[in-house]
Amino acid sequence: MRTVVPVSGSDPKTRLSPVLGPDERRAFTEAMLADVLDALDGAGHSPDVVSTGPVECDAPVTVDDRGLDALVNDLLAEGPLAVVMADLPLLTADAVERLFAPAADVVLAPGLGGGTNAFVCRHPEFRVDYHGASIRDHRRIADDVGASLAEVDSRVLATDIDEPADLAEVLLHGDGRAADWLTDAGFELSFDDGRVGVARE
């Protein structure tokens, strides 16, 4: 089964702009991607990276500037496919193994905000729709095509990094390259009215 990691290599993680400049966002994106690739490698998978622009990583990279839906659906038409997003810096090899373990036609890993952070597909008719609350749409699509469905309840698979507040999760729970990058860049945990956030020195 082919395993693909999509990543934005052109203007990554724009919602982190309040705390990271363009070059920093690119470097942090590549650090998160490295963590994802390490986890996949640790679980015995050799992924390909598909990026909207050039990106530095230890995996084969194909540059393709199409939208995510068109790209992934073309890959699904070629055969069984696993897709793991590049912004999951807490990902572990154990979590990857849990993603691939169910024998269902479609295995989904929901994100905390209603997205789909990873999936495994063995059904020839399943296609993706990443707009809106995609996890709900993907459940419906699997049902529409008659695919058996399983979901993986995993904190590390559910935690994707999009907003500045999400950086606290990396500092709290991460021990990979993304956590190291944030620490080296001067980020640290902050505590305000009982809530954990991040501050930069």
N, C-alpha and C. Protein backbone atom coordinates (compact mmCIF):
# COMPACT_ATOMS: atom_id res chain seq x y z
N MET A 1 0.84 -1.19 0.00
CA MET A 1 0.00 0.00 0.00
C MET A 1 0.88 1.25 0.00
N ARG A 2 0.56 2.17 -0.87
CA ARG A 2 1.32 3.42 -0.92
C ARG A 2 0.92 4.31 0.26
N THR A 3 1.90 4.95 0.87
CA THR A 3 1.65 5.89 1.96
C THR A 3 2.16 7.26 1.54
N VAL A 4 1.29 8.27 1.68
CA VAL A 4 1.60 9.62 1.22
C VAL A 4 1.42 10.61 2.36
N VAL A 5 2.34 11.56 2.42
CA VAL A 5 2.25 12.66 3.39
C VAL A 5 2.13 13.97 2.60
N PRO A 6 0.94 14.57 2.56
CA PRO A 6 0.80 15.87 1.89
C PRO A 6 1.32 17.00 2.79
N VAL A 7 1.94 18.00 2.17
CA VAL A 7 2.44 19.14 2.94
C VAL A 7 2.39 20.38 2.06
N SER A 8 2.19 21.52 2.68
CA SER A 8 2.24 22.78 1.96
C SER A 8 3.68 23.26 1.93
N GLY A 9 4.24 23.32 0.75
CA GLY A 9 5.61 23.78 0.62
C GLY A 9 5.72 25.19 0.05
N SER A 10 4.59 25.82 -0.25
CA SER A 10 4.61 27.14 -0.86
C SER A 10 4.49 28.24 0.20
N ASP A 11 3.38 28.28 0.92
CA ASP A 11 3.19 29.28 1.98
C ASP A 11 2.57 28.57 3.16
N PRO A 12 3.35 27.79 3.91
CA PRO A 12 2.77 26.89 4.90
C PRO A 12 2.29 27.59 6.16
N LYS A 13 1.25 27.00 6.75
CA LYS A 13 0.80 27.35 8.10
C LYS A 13 0.59 28.86 8.29
N THR A 14 -0.23 29.44 7.42
CA THR A 14 -0.45 30.89 7.49
C THR A 14 -1.14 31.31 8.78
N ARG A 15 -1.90 30.41 9.39
CA ARG A 15 -2.58 30.78 10.64
C ARG A 15 -1.62 30.90 11.82
N LEU A 16 -0.37 30.50 11.62
CA LEU A 16 0.66 30.73 12.64
C LEU A 16 1.38 32.07 12.44
N SER A 17 0.92 32.87 11.47
CA SER A 17 1.58 34.14 11.17
C SER A 17 1.67 35.10 12.35
N PRO A 18 0.71 35.10 13.29
CA PRO A 18 0.85 36.02 14.43
C PRO A 18 2.09 35.76 15.29
N VAL A 19 2.65 34.55 15.23
CA VAL A 19 3.80 34.24 16.09
C VAL A 19 5.04 33.79 15.32
N LEU A 20 4.89 33.47 14.03
CA LEU A 20 6.02 33.00 13.23
C LEU A 20 6.06 33.73 11.89
N GLY A 21 7.25 34.17 11.50
CA GLY A 21 7.43 34.77 10.19
C GLY A 21 7.42 33.71 9.10
N PRO A 22 7.41 34.12 7.82
CA PRO A 22 7.33 33.15 6.72
C PRO A 22 8.44 32.10 6.73
N ASP A 23 9.69 32.51 6.94
CA ASP A 23 10.79 31.54 6.97
C ASP A 23 10.67 30.62 8.18
N GLU A 24 10.21 31.16 9.30
CA GLU A 24 10.02 30.34 10.49
C GLU A 24 8.90 29.33 10.29
N ARG A 25 7.85 29.75 9.65
CA ARG A 25 6.74 28.81 9.40
C ARG A 25 7.19 27.67 8.51
N ARG A 26 8.02 27.97 7.54
CA ARG A 26 8.54 26.91 6.67
C ARG A 26 9.44 25.96 7.46
N ALA A 27 10.32 26.51 8.28
CA ALA A 27 11.22 25.67 9.06
C ALA A 27 10.45 24.81 10.06
N PHE A 28 9.43 25.38 10.70
CA PHE A 28 8.64 24.62 11.66
C PHE A 28 7.83 23.54 10.95
N THR A 29 7.30 23.86 9.77
CA THR A 29 6.57 22.87 8.99
C THR A 29 7.47 21.69 8.64
N GLU A 30 8.71 21.97 8.25
CA GLU A 30 9.64 20.89 7.92
C GLU A 30 10.01 20.08 9.15
N ALA A 31 10.05 20.72 10.33
CA ALA A 31 10.32 19.98 11.56
C ALA A 31 9.17 19.04 11.89
N MET A 32 7.93 19.52 11.74
CA MET A 32 6.77 18.65 11.97
C MET A 32 6.75 17.50 10.97
N LEU A 33 7.03 17.80 9.71
CA LEU A 33 7.09 16.77 8.69
C LEU A 33 8.13 15.71 9.05
N ALA A 34 9.27 16.14 9.55
CA ALA A 34 10.31 15.18 9.94
C ALA A 34 9.81 14.26 11.04
N ASP A 35 9.05 14.80 12.00
CA ASP A 35 8.49 13.96 13.07
C ASP A 35 7.53 12.92 12.51
N VAL A 36 6.69 13.33 11.56
CA VAL A 36 5.74 12.40 10.94
C VAL A 36 6.48 11.31 10.18
N LEU A 37 7.48 11.69 9.42
CA LEU A 37 8.25 10.70 8.66
C LEU A 37 8.99 9.74 9.58
N ASP A 38 9.50 10.25 10.71
CA ASP A 38 10.17 9.38 11.67
C ASP A 38 9.20 8.34 12.23
N ALA A 39 7.98 8.77 12.55
CA ALA A 39 6.99 7.85 13.10
C ALA A 39 6.59 6.79 12.08
N LEU A 40 6.41 7.20 10.84
CA LEU A 40 6.05 6.24 9.80
C LEU A 40 7.18 5.25 9.56
N ASP A 41 8.40 5.75 9.53
CA ASP A 41 9.56 4.87 9.35
C ASP A 41 9.67 3.89 10.51
N GLY A 42 9.40 4.38 11.71
CA GLY A 42 9.48 3.51 12.88
C GLY A 42 8.45 2.40 12.87
N ALA A 43 7.36 2.62 12.13
CA ALA A 43 6.33 1.59 12.01
C ALA A 43 6.52 0.74 10.76
N GLY A 44 7.60 0.95 10.05
CA GLY A 44 7.91 0.11 8.90
C GLY A 44 7.35 0.58 7.58
N HIS A 45 6.98 1.86 7.48
CA HIS A 45 6.43 2.40 6.24
C HIS A 45 7.43 3.35 5.59
N SER A 46 7.41 3.37 4.27
CA SER A 46 8.30 4.25 3.50
C SER A 46 7.44 5.22 2.70
N PRO A 47 7.10 6.35 3.29
CA PRO A 47 6.15 7.25 2.65
C PRO A 47 6.77 8.11 1.56
N ASP A 48 5.90 8.57 0.68
CA ASP A 48 6.25 9.62 -0.27
C ASP A 48 5.66 10.93 0.24
N VAL A 49 6.35 12.02 0.00
CA VAL A 49 5.84 13.35 0.34
C VAL A 49 5.34 14.01 -0.93
N VAL A 50 4.14 14.57 -0.85
CA VAL A 50 3.61 15.36 -1.96
C VAL A 50 3.43 16.78 -1.45
N SER A 51 4.10 17.73 -2.09
CA SER A 51 4.16 19.09 -1.59
C SER A 51 3.73 20.08 -2.66
N THR A 52 3.16 21.19 -2.22
CA THR A 52 2.77 22.24 -3.17
C THR A 52 3.97 23.05 -3.63
N GLY A 53 5.11 22.86 -3.01
CA GLY A 53 6.34 23.54 -3.39
C GLY A 53 7.53 22.78 -2.84
N PRO A 54 8.74 23.23 -3.14
CA PRO A 54 9.93 22.53 -2.66
C PRO A 54 9.94 22.44 -1.13
N VAL A 55 10.37 21.30 -0.62
CA VAL A 55 10.44 21.09 0.83
C VAL A 55 11.62 20.18 1.12
N GLU A 56 12.30 20.45 2.23
CA GLU A 56 13.47 19.65 2.62
C GLU A 56 13.02 18.55 3.57
N CYS A 57 13.30 17.29 3.21
CA CYS A 57 12.95 16.17 4.08
C CYS A 57 13.69 14.92 3.62
N ASP A 58 13.64 13.90 4.47
CA ASP A 58 14.31 12.63 4.17
C ASP A 58 13.33 11.63 3.56
N ALA A 59 12.71 12.00 2.47
CA ALA A 59 11.78 11.13 1.76
C ALA A 59 11.64 11.65 0.34
N PRO A 60 11.22 10.78 -0.59
CA PRO A 60 10.98 11.26 -1.96
C PRO A 60 9.89 12.32 -1.98
N VAL A 61 10.10 13.40 -2.71
CA VAL A 61 9.16 14.52 -2.77
C VAL A 61 8.67 14.71 -4.20
N THR A 62 7.36 14.77 -4.36
CA THR A 62 6.74 15.16 -5.62
C THR A 62 6.09 16.52 -5.42
N VAL A 63 6.39 17.47 -6.27
CA VAL A 63 5.77 18.79 -6.18
C VAL A 63 4.52 18.79 -7.05
N ASP A 64 3.40 19.11 -6.43
CA ASP A 64 2.10 19.11 -7.12
C ASP A 64 1.26 20.20 -6.48
N ASP A 65 0.94 21.23 -7.24
CA ASP A 65 0.25 22.38 -6.65
C ASP A 65 -1.27 22.31 -6.77
N ARG A 66 -1.80 21.15 -7.11
CA ARG A 66 -3.26 21.01 -7.13
C ARG A 66 -3.82 21.02 -5.71
N GLY A 67 -5.11 21.18 -5.60
CA GLY A 67 -5.75 21.11 -4.30
C GLY A 67 -5.68 19.70 -3.73
N LEU A 68 -5.87 19.62 -2.40
CA LEU A 68 -5.72 18.34 -1.71
C LEU A 68 -6.72 17.30 -2.21
N ASP A 69 -7.98 17.72 -2.43
CA ASP A 69 -8.99 16.76 -2.88
C ASP A 69 -8.60 16.13 -4.22
N ALA A 70 -8.25 16.95 -5.18
CA ALA A 70 -7.92 16.44 -6.51
C ALA A 70 -6.70 15.53 -6.46
N LEU A 71 -5.71 15.93 -5.70
CA LEU A 71 -4.48 15.14 -5.59
C LEU A 71 -4.76 13.77 -4.97
N VAL A 72 -5.42 13.77 -3.80
CA VAL A 72 -5.65 12.51 -3.10
C VAL A 72 -6.61 11.62 -3.88
N ASN A 73 -7.61 12.19 -4.49
CA ASN A 73 -8.56 11.37 -5.24
C ASN A 73 -7.92 10.72 -6.45
N ASP A 74 -6.99 11.39 -7.10
CA ASP A 74 -6.26 10.76 -8.20
C ASP A 74 -5.42 9.59 -7.68
N LEU A 75 -4.81 9.75 -6.51
CA LEU A 75 -4.02 8.67 -5.93
C LEU A 75 -4.92 7.51 -5.51
N LEU A 76 -6.09 7.80 -4.99
CA LEU A 76 -7.03 6.74 -4.62
C LEU A 76 -7.47 5.94 -5.84
N ALA A 77 -7.58 6.58 -6.98
CA ALA A 77 -7.98 5.88 -8.19
C ALA A 77 -6.93 4.87 -8.64
N GLU A 78 -5.69 5.02 -8.14
CA GLU A 78 -4.61 4.11 -8.53
C GLU A 78 -4.56 2.84 -7.69
N GLY A 79 -5.22 2.87 -6.50
CA GLY A 79 -5.19 1.67 -5.67
C GLY A 79 -5.18 2.00 -4.19
N PRO A 80 -5.01 1.00 -3.34
CA PRO A 80 -5.02 1.21 -1.89
C PRO A 80 -4.03 2.31 -1.49
N LEU A 81 -4.44 3.12 -0.50
CA LEU A 81 -3.67 4.31 -0.17
C LEU A 81 -3.82 4.64 1.31
N ALA A 82 -2.74 5.08 1.90
CA ALA A 82 -2.78 5.67 3.24
C ALA A 82 -2.29 7.11 3.13
N VAL A 83 -2.98 8.01 3.81
CA VAL A 83 -2.61 9.43 3.82
C VAL A 83 -2.47 9.87 5.27
N VAL A 84 -1.34 10.46 5.59
CA VAL A 84 -1.08 10.99 6.93
C VAL A 84 -0.64 12.44 6.77
N MET A 85 -1.32 13.36 7.42
CA MET A 85 -1.00 14.77 7.27
C MET A 85 0.35 15.09 7.92
N ALA A 86 0.97 16.16 7.43
CA ALA A 86 2.33 16.49 7.84
C ALA A 86 2.41 17.30 9.12
N ASP A 87 1.25 17.73 9.65
CA ASP A 87 1.28 18.62 10.82
C ASP A 87 0.86 17.89 12.10
N LEU A 88 1.37 16.66 12.26
CA LEU A 88 1.06 15.83 13.43
C LEU A 88 2.35 15.54 14.19
N PRO A 89 2.94 16.54 14.85
CA PRO A 89 4.27 16.36 15.42
C PRO A 89 4.32 15.46 16.65
N LEU A 90 3.16 15.07 17.18
CA LEU A 90 3.15 14.14 18.32
C LEU A 90 3.05 12.69 17.87
N LEU A 91 2.98 12.46 16.58
CA LEU A 91 2.76 11.11 16.05
C LEU A 91 3.86 10.16 16.49
N THR A 92 3.44 8.93 16.81
CA THR A 92 4.39 7.88 17.22
C THR A 92 4.23 6.67 16.31
N ALA A 93 5.23 5.81 16.33
CA ALA A 93 5.15 4.57 15.56
C ALA A 93 3.98 3.71 16.05
N ASP A 94 3.74 3.69 17.35
CA ASP A 94 2.62 2.91 17.89
C ASP A 94 1.29 3.40 17.34
N ALA A 95 1.12 4.71 17.23
CA ALA A 95 -0.12 5.26 16.69
C ALA A 95 -0.27 4.91 15.21
N VAL A 96 0.84 4.93 14.48
CA VAL A 96 0.79 4.53 13.07
C VAL A 96 0.35 3.07 12.95
N GLU A 97 0.88 2.21 13.79
CA GLU A 97 0.50 0.81 13.76
C GLU A 97 -0.99 0.64 14.07
N ARG A 98 -1.51 1.44 14.98
CA ARG A 98 -2.95 1.39 15.29
C ARG A 98 -3.78 1.83 14.09
N LEU A 99 -3.28 2.80 13.33
CA LEU A 99 -4.00 3.27 12.14
C LEU A 99 -4.11 2.17 11.10
N PHE A 100 -3.04 1.41 10.92
CA PHE A 100 -3.02 0.38 9.89
C PHE A 100 -3.61 -0.96 10.35
N ALA A 101 -3.86 -1.11 11.65
CA ALA A 101 -4.25 -2.42 12.19
C ALA A 101 -5.64 -2.89 11.78
N PRO A 102 -6.68 -2.04 11.78
CA PRO A 102 -8.02 -2.55 11.47
C PRO A 102 -8.09 -3.10 10.04
N ALA A 103 -8.91 -4.13 9.87
CA ALA A 103 -9.07 -4.76 8.56
C ALA A 103 -10.18 -4.11 7.74
N ALA A 104 -10.72 -3.00 8.21
CA ALA A 104 -11.83 -2.34 7.52
C ALA A 104 -11.38 -1.79 6.16
N ASP A 105 -12.37 -1.58 5.29
CA ASP A 105 -12.08 -0.99 3.98
C ASP A 105 -11.51 0.42 4.12
N VAL A 106 -12.06 1.18 5.07
CA VAL A 106 -11.62 2.55 5.30
C VAL A 106 -11.40 2.73 6.80
N VAL A 107 -10.24 3.25 7.15
CA VAL A 107 -9.91 3.55 8.54
C VAL A 107 -9.63 5.05 8.64
N LEU A 108 -10.36 5.73 9.51
CA LEU A 108 -10.24 7.17 9.65
C LEU A 108 -9.64 7.53 11.00
N ALA A 109 -8.81 8.58 11.01
CA ALA A 109 -8.29 9.16 12.24
C ALA A 109 -8.80 10.59 12.34
N PRO A 110 -9.82 10.84 13.18
CA PRO A 110 -10.39 12.18 13.28
C PRO A 110 -9.43 13.17 13.92
N GLY A 111 -9.51 14.42 13.46
CA GLY A 111 -8.82 15.51 14.11
C GLY A 111 -9.72 16.16 15.14
N LEU A 112 -9.12 16.90 16.07
CA LEU A 112 -9.89 17.50 17.16
C LEU A 112 -10.90 18.52 16.65
N GLY A 113 -10.63 19.17 15.55
CA GLY A 113 -11.53 20.19 15.04
C GLY A 113 -12.50 19.72 13.98
N GLY A 114 -12.64 18.41 13.82
CA GLY A 114 -13.57 17.90 12.83
C GLY A 114 -12.94 17.51 11.51
N GLY A 115 -11.63 17.63 11.41
CA GLY A 115 -10.96 17.24 10.19
C GLY A 115 -10.62 15.76 10.17
N THR A 116 -9.93 15.36 9.11
CA THR A 116 -9.46 13.98 8.97
C THR A 116 -7.94 14.03 8.88
N ASN A 117 -7.27 13.62 9.94
CA ASN A 117 -5.82 13.79 10.00
C ASN A 117 -5.05 12.66 9.33
N ALA A 118 -5.70 11.51 9.17
CA ALA A 118 -5.07 10.38 8.49
C ALA A 118 -6.15 9.39 8.11
N PHE A 119 -5.88 8.60 7.09
CA PHE A 119 -6.80 7.52 6.75
C PHE A 119 -6.05 6.43 6.00
N VAL A 120 -6.63 5.25 6.04
CA VAL A 120 -6.18 4.11 5.24
C VAL A 120 -7.37 3.66 4.41
N CYS A 121 -7.17 3.49 3.11
CA CYS A 121 -8.28 3.09 2.24
C CYS A 121 -7.91 1.87 1.42
N ARG A 122 -8.78 0.87 1.50
CA ARG A 122 -8.62 -0.34 0.70
C ARG A 122 -9.83 -0.56 -0.21
N HIS A 123 -10.68 0.45 -0.34
CA HIS A 123 -11.91 0.33 -1.13
C HIS A 123 -11.77 1.13 -2.42
N PRO A 124 -12.08 0.55 -3.59
CA PRO A 124 -11.80 1.23 -4.86
C PRO A 124 -12.67 2.44 -5.14
N GLU A 125 -13.79 2.59 -4.43
CA GLU A 125 -14.70 3.69 -4.75
C GLU A 125 -14.65 4.83 -3.74
N PHE A 126 -13.96 4.69 -2.66
CA PHE A 126 -13.90 5.75 -1.66
C PHE A 126 -13.11 6.94 -2.21
N ARG A 127 -13.64 8.14 -1.97
CA ARG A 127 -12.97 9.37 -2.36
C ARG A 127 -13.05 10.36 -1.20
N VAL A 128 -12.22 11.39 -1.23
CA VAL A 128 -12.15 12.33 -0.11
C VAL A 128 -12.82 13.66 -0.45
N ASP A 129 -13.21 14.35 0.61
CA ASP A 129 -13.72 15.72 0.54
C ASP A 129 -13.26 16.40 1.81
N TYR A 130 -12.19 17.18 1.73
CA TYR A 130 -11.57 17.76 2.91
C TYR A 130 -12.19 19.09 3.33
N HIS A 131 -13.22 19.54 2.66
CA HIS A 131 -13.81 20.83 3.01
C HIS A 131 -14.72 20.69 4.23
N GLY A 132 -14.70 21.69 5.09
CA GLY A 132 -15.60 21.68 6.23
C GLY A 132 -15.22 20.61 7.24
N ALA A 133 -16.25 20.02 7.86
CA ALA A 133 -16.04 18.95 8.85
C ALA A 133 -15.82 17.64 8.09
N SER A 134 -14.60 17.44 7.62
CA SER A 134 -14.36 16.35 6.67
C SER A 134 -14.55 14.97 7.29
N ILE A 135 -14.35 14.84 8.60
CA ILE A 135 -14.52 13.51 9.18
C ILE A 135 -15.96 13.04 9.02
N ARG A 136 -16.91 13.95 9.16
CA ARG A 136 -18.32 13.59 8.97
C ARG A 136 -18.59 13.23 7.52
N ASP A 137 -18.02 14.01 6.60
CA ASP A 137 -18.20 13.72 5.18
C ASP A 137 -17.59 12.38 4.81
N HIS A 138 -16.44 12.06 5.36
CA HIS A 138 -15.78 10.80 5.02
C HIS A 138 -16.52 9.60 5.58
N ARG A 139 -17.14 9.75 6.74
CA ARG A 139 -18.01 8.68 7.23
C ARG A 139 -19.17 8.44 6.25
N ARG A 140 -19.76 9.53 5.79
CA ARG A 140 -20.89 9.41 4.86
C ARG A 140 -20.46 8.80 3.54
N ILE A 141 -19.30 9.24 3.01
CA ILE A 141 -18.83 8.72 1.73
C ILE A 141 -18.55 7.23 1.83
N ALA A 142 -17.93 6.82 2.93
CA ALA A 142 -17.68 5.39 3.12
C ALA A 142 -18.98 4.60 3.14
N ASP A 143 -19.99 5.13 3.80
CA ASP A 143 -21.29 4.47 3.83
C ASP A 143 -21.93 4.43 2.45
N ASP A 144 -21.82 5.53 1.72
CA ASP A 144 -22.43 5.61 0.39
C ASP A 144 -21.85 4.57 -0.57
N VAL A 145 -20.55 4.27 -0.45
CA VAL A 145 -19.93 3.31 -1.38
C VAL A 145 -19.93 1.89 -0.82
N GLY A 146 -20.52 1.71 0.35
CA GLY A 146 -20.61 0.37 0.92
C GLY A 146 -19.31 -0.13 1.53
N ALA A 147 -18.46 0.79 1.96
CA ALA A 147 -17.18 0.41 2.55
C ALA A 147 -17.34 0.16 4.04
N SER A 148 -16.73 -0.89 4.55
CA SER A 148 -16.68 -1.07 6.01
C SER A 148 -15.76 -0.01 6.59
N LEU A 149 -16.10 0.45 7.80
CA LEU A 149 -15.44 1.63 8.36
C LEU A 149 -14.95 1.36 9.78
N ALA A 150 -13.75 1.84 10.07
CA ALA A 150 -13.24 1.84 11.44
C ALA A 150 -12.63 3.21 11.71
N GLU A 151 -12.63 3.60 12.98
CA GLU A 151 -12.00 4.86 13.37
C GLU A 151 -11.00 4.59 14.48
N VAL A 152 -9.92 5.38 14.49
CA VAL A 152 -8.86 5.25 15.47
C VAL A 152 -8.94 6.45 16.42
N ASP A 153 -9.22 6.18 17.67
CA ASP A 153 -9.29 7.23 18.69
C ASP A 153 -7.91 7.39 19.30
N SER A 154 -7.18 8.40 18.85
CA SER A 154 -5.79 8.58 19.27
C SER A 154 -5.50 10.07 19.45
N ARG A 155 -5.02 10.44 20.63
CA ARG A 155 -4.71 11.85 20.88
C ARG A 155 -3.62 12.34 19.94
N VAL A 156 -2.59 11.52 19.71
CA VAL A 156 -1.48 11.99 18.90
C VAL A 156 -1.87 12.11 17.43
N LEU A 157 -2.78 11.26 16.97
CA LEU A 157 -3.28 11.41 15.60
C LEU A 157 -4.28 12.56 15.49
N ALA A 158 -4.95 12.87 16.56
CA ALA A 158 -5.97 13.92 16.53
C ALA A 158 -5.39 15.32 16.64
N THR A 159 -4.15 15.43 17.13
CA THR A 159 -3.57 16.74 17.42
C THR A 159 -2.79 17.27 16.23
N ASP A 160 -3.45 18.10 15.44
CA ASP A 160 -2.78 18.78 14.34
C ASP A 160 -2.52 20.23 14.76
N ILE A 161 -1.51 20.83 14.18
CA ILE A 161 -1.04 22.15 14.61
C ILE A 161 -1.38 23.18 13.54
N ASP A 162 -2.34 24.05 13.87
CA ASP A 162 -2.78 25.08 12.93
C ASP A 162 -2.72 26.49 13.51
N GLU A 163 -3.10 26.63 14.78
CA GLU A 163 -3.22 27.93 15.42
C GLU A 163 -2.11 28.12 16.45
N PRO A 164 -1.78 29.38 16.79
CA PRO A 164 -0.77 29.60 17.82
C PRO A 164 -1.03 28.86 19.13
N ALA A 165 -2.28 28.76 19.54
CA ALA A 165 -2.60 28.06 20.79
C ALA A 165 -2.22 26.58 20.72
N ASP A 166 -2.19 26.01 19.51
CA ASP A 166 -1.85 24.59 19.36
C ASP A 166 -0.39 24.31 19.71
N LEU A 167 0.44 25.32 19.69
CA LEU A 167 1.86 25.10 19.95
C LEU A 167 2.10 24.58 21.36
N ALA A 168 1.19 24.91 22.28
CA ALA A 168 1.33 24.41 23.64
C ALA A 168 1.33 22.89 23.68
N GLU A 169 0.54 22.26 22.81
CA GLU A 169 0.50 20.80 22.78
C GLU A 169 1.86 20.21 22.42
N VAL A 170 2.57 20.88 21.52
CA VAL A 170 3.88 20.39 21.11
C VAL A 170 4.87 20.49 22.27
N LEU A 171 4.82 21.62 22.99
CA LEU A 171 5.74 21.79 24.12
C LEU A 171 5.37 20.89 25.30
N LEU A 172 4.08 20.62 25.48
CA LEU A 172 3.64 19.77 26.59
C LEU A 172 3.94 18.30 26.35
N HIS A 173 3.72 17.84 25.12
CA HIS A 173 3.72 16.40 24.86
C HIS A 173 4.75 15.94 23.83
N GLY A 174 5.38 16.87 23.13
CA GLY A 174 6.30 16.48 22.06
C GLY A 174 7.71 16.25 22.56
N ASP A 175 8.41 15.35 21.90
CA ASP A 175 9.83 15.13 22.21
C ASP A 175 10.64 14.95 20.93
N GLY A 176 10.11 15.48 19.83
CA GLY A 176 10.77 15.33 18.54
C GLY A 176 11.33 16.63 18.02
N ARG A 177 11.47 16.69 16.73
CA ARG A 177 12.14 17.84 16.12
C ARG A 177 11.31 19.12 16.20
N ALA A 178 9.98 19.00 16.12
CA ALA A 178 9.14 20.19 16.22
C ALA A 178 9.24 20.82 17.60
N ALA A 179 9.22 19.98 18.64
CA ALA A 179 9.36 20.50 20.00
C ALA A 179 10.73 21.16 20.19
N ASP A 180 11.75 20.52 19.66
CA ASP A 180 13.10 21.10 19.76
C ASP A 180 13.16 22.43 19.01
N TRP A 181 12.52 22.50 17.85
CA TRP A 181 12.55 23.73 17.07
C TRP A 181 11.90 24.87 17.85
N LEU A 182 10.75 24.61 18.44
CA LEU A 182 10.06 25.66 19.22
C LEU A 182 10.91 26.13 20.39
N THR A 183 11.53 25.18 21.09
CA THR A 183 12.37 25.54 22.23
C THR A 183 13.56 26.39 21.78
N ASP A 184 14.20 25.97 20.69
CA ASP A 184 15.35 26.72 20.16
C ASP A 184 14.94 28.12 19.69
N ALA A 185 13.68 28.26 19.24
CA ALA A 185 13.19 29.55 18.77
C ALA A 185 12.71 30.44 19.91
N GLY A 186 12.82 29.96 21.16
CA GLY A 186 12.49 30.79 22.30
C GLY A 186 11.09 30.65 22.85
N PHE A 187 10.36 29.64 22.39
CA PHE A 187 9.00 29.44 22.91
C PHE A 187 9.06 28.65 24.21
N GLU A 188 8.15 28.98 25.11
CA GLU A 188 8.01 28.26 26.36
C GLU A 188 6.55 28.29 26.79
N LEU A 189 6.20 27.40 27.68
CA LEU A 189 4.83 27.35 28.17
C LEU A 189 4.56 28.56 29.06
N SER A 190 3.33 29.07 28.99
CA SER A 190 2.90 30.14 29.88
C SER A 190 1.59 29.73 30.54
N PHE A 191 1.32 30.32 31.68
CA PHE A 191 0.14 29.93 32.44
C PHE A 191 -0.62 31.20 32.82
N ASP A 192 -1.87 31.28 32.36
CA ASP A 192 -2.67 32.49 32.58
C ASP A 192 -4.08 32.07 32.96
N ASP A 193 -4.50 32.41 34.18
CA ASP A 193 -5.83 32.07 34.65
C ASP A 193 -6.14 30.59 34.52
N GLY A 194 -5.14 29.77 34.82
CA GLY A 194 -5.35 28.32 34.80
C GLY A 194 -5.27 27.68 33.43
N ARG A 195 -5.03 28.47 32.39
CA ARG A 195 -4.91 27.93 31.03
C ARG A 195 -3.45 27.91 30.61
N VAL A 196 -3.09 26.87 29.88
CA VAL A 196 -1.72 26.74 29.40
C VAL A 196 -1.62 27.30 27.98
N GLY A 197 -0.66 28.16 27.77
CA GLY A 197 -0.42 28.71 26.45
C GLY A 197 1.06 28.73 26.16
N VAL A 198 1.47 29.55 25.22
CA VAL A 198 2.88 29.68 24.91
C VAL A 198 3.26 31.15 24.90
N ALA A 199 4.51 31.41 25.25
CA ALA A 199 5.09 32.74 25.16
C ALA A 199 6.45 32.59 24.51
N ARG A 200 6.94 33.70 23.97
CA ARG A 200 8.26 33.67 23.31
C ARG A 200 9.18 34.65 24.00
N GLU A 201 10.35 34.18 24.30
CA GLU A 201 11.33 35.03 24.98
C GLU A 201 11.75 36.20 24.09
